[in-house]
Amino acid sequence: MNTSRNSKEYKQWREKVLKRDGFKCTLCGATENLHVHHVFSYEKFEKTRIDIRNGQTVCEDCHKIIHG
């Protein structure tokens, strides 16, 4: 299965995570500049790349804090 960040499957995963989280940052509640963060690394955990349980909606600012 193609799970590159440009694939149809990846884009569907991203949309499902955003919808599940109500299109709000799960950390601060922001509704703009949303990212979908992989709880378990995209690079290291290939099998969970498009598992909805491995996604978390965060705003750009919170995403920067997560990645330090």
C-alpha atoms as a PDB file:
ATOM      1  CA  MET A   1       0.000   0.000   0.000  1.00  0.00           C
ATOM      2  CA  ASN A   2       1.252   3.445  -0.917  1.00  0.00           C
ATOM      3  CA  THR A   3       1.426   5.529   2.262  1.00  0.00           C
ATOM      4  CA  SER A   4       3.499   8.422   0.974  1.00  0.00           C
ATOM      5  CA  ARG A   5       2.314  11.805   2.199  1.00  0.00           C
ATOM      6  CA  ASN A   6       0.921  12.529  -1.269  1.00  0.00           C
ATOM      7  CA  SER A   7      -1.048   9.293  -1.594  1.00  0.00           C
ATOM      8  CA  LYS A   8      -4.826   9.062  -1.624  1.00  0.00           C
ATOM      9  CA  GLU A   9      -4.732   6.782   1.441  1.00  0.00           C
ATOM     10  CA  TYR A  10      -2.631   9.256   3.414  1.00  0.00           C
ATOM     11  CA  LYS A  11      -4.910  12.169   2.521  1.00  0.00           C
ATOM     12  CA  GLN A  12      -7.959  10.132   3.555  1.00  0.00           C
ATOM     13  CA  TRP A  13      -6.259   9.260   6.875  1.00  0.00           C
ATOM     14  CA  ARG A  14      -5.526  12.933   7.501  1.00  0.00           C
ATOM     15  CA  GLU A  15      -9.134  13.948   6.807  1.00  0.00           C
ATOM     16  CA  LYS A  16     -10.470  11.192   9.099  1.00  0.00           C
ATOM     17  CA  VAL A  17      -8.249  12.365  11.970  1.00  0.00           C
ATOM     18  CA  LEU A  18      -9.292  15.992  11.500  1.00  0.00           C
ATOM     19  CA  LYS A  19     -12.969  15.004  11.435  1.00  0.00           C
ATOM     20  CA  ARG A  20     -12.641  12.752  14.490  1.00  0.00           C
ATOM     21  CA  ASP A  21     -11.014  15.605  16.426  1.00  0.00           C
ATOM     22  CA  GLY A  22     -13.675  18.116  15.378  1.00  0.00           C
ATOM     23  CA  PHE A  23     -11.250  20.160  13.253  1.00  0.00           C
ATOM     24  CA  LYS A  24      -9.683  21.571  16.439  1.00  0.00           C
ATOM     25  CA  CYS A  25      -6.257  21.304  18.011  1.00  0.00           C
ATOM     26  CA  THR A  26      -6.501  18.629  20.681  1.00  0.00           C
ATOM     27  CA  LEU A  27      -4.049  20.562  22.849  1.00  0.00           C
ATOM     28  CA  CYS A  28      -5.192  24.200  22.738  1.00  0.00           C
ATOM     29  CA  GLY A  29      -8.476  24.167  20.832  1.00  0.00           C
ATOM     30  CA  ALA A  30      -7.283  26.293  17.897  1.00  0.00           C
ATOM     31  CA  THR A  31      -9.171  25.873  14.627  1.00  0.00           C
ATOM     32  CA  GLU A  32      -6.665  27.375  12.193  1.00  0.00           C
ATOM     33  CA  ASN A  33      -3.334  26.178  10.761  1.00  0.00           C
ATOM     34  CA  LEU A  34      -4.119  22.578  11.657  1.00  0.00           C
ATOM     35  CA  HIS A  35      -1.656  19.724  11.230  1.00  0.00           C
ATOM     36  CA  VAL A  36      -2.141  16.015  11.796  1.00  0.00           C
ATOM     37  CA  HIS A  37       0.652  14.760  14.031  1.00  0.00           C
ATOM     38  CA  HIS A  38       1.777  11.136  14.056  1.00  0.00           C
ATOM     39  CA  VAL A  39       1.841   9.978  17.678  1.00  0.00           C
ATOM     40  CA  PHE A  40       4.231   7.215  16.635  1.00  0.00           C
ATOM     41  CA  SER A  41       6.820   8.426  14.115  1.00  0.00           C
ATOM     42  CA  TYR A  42       5.878   8.333  10.438  1.00  0.00           C
ATOM     43  CA  GLU A  43       9.450   7.363   9.587  1.00  0.00           C
ATOM     44  CA  LYS A  44       9.947   4.638  12.209  1.00  0.00           C
ATOM     45  CA  PHE A  45       6.510   3.000  12.328  1.00  0.00           C
ATOM     46  CA  GLU A  46       5.493   2.260   8.763  1.00  0.00           C
ATOM     47  CA  LYS A  47       2.610  -0.042   9.763  1.00  0.00           C
ATOM     48  CA  THR A  48       0.823   2.698  11.712  1.00  0.00           C
ATOM     49  CA  ARG A  49       1.262   5.528   9.219  1.00  0.00           C
ATOM     50  CA  ILE A  50      -2.408   5.592   8.266  1.00  0.00           C
ATOM     51  CA  ASP A  51      -3.929   4.092  11.405  1.00  0.00           C
ATOM     52  CA  ILE A  52      -6.385   6.707  12.687  1.00  0.00           C
ATOM     53  CA  ARG A  53      -5.322   5.888  16.269  1.00  0.00           C
ATOM     54  CA  ASN A  54      -1.855   7.165  15.350  1.00  0.00           C
ATOM     55  CA  GLY A  55      -3.079  10.640  14.433  1.00  0.00           C
ATOM     56  CA  GLN A  56      -3.652  13.729  16.534  1.00  0.00           C
ATOM     57  CA  THR A  57      -4.949  17.073  15.298  1.00  0.00           C
ATOM     58  CA  VAL A  58      -2.730  19.920  16.478  1.00  0.00           C
ATOM     59  CA  CYS A  59      -2.245  23.524  15.405  1.00  0.00           C
ATOM     60  CA  GLU A  60       1.032  24.645  13.886  1.00  0.00           C
ATOM     61  CA  ASP A  61       2.233  26.199  17.155  1.00  0.00           C
ATOM     62  CA  CYS A  62       1.499  23.098  19.252  1.00  0.00           C
ATOM     63  CA  HIS A  63       3.099  20.907  16.589  1.00  0.00           C
ATOM     64  CA  LYS A  64       6.296  22.940  16.887  1.00  0.00           C
ATOM     65  CA  ILE A  65       6.244  22.482  20.667  1.00  0.00           C
ATOM     66  CA  ILE A  66       5.767  18.707  20.295  1.00  0.00           C
ATOM     67  CA  HIS A  67       8.803  18.462  18.045  1.00  0.00           C
ATOM     68  CA  GLY A  68      10.816  20.896  20.166  1.00  0.00           C
END
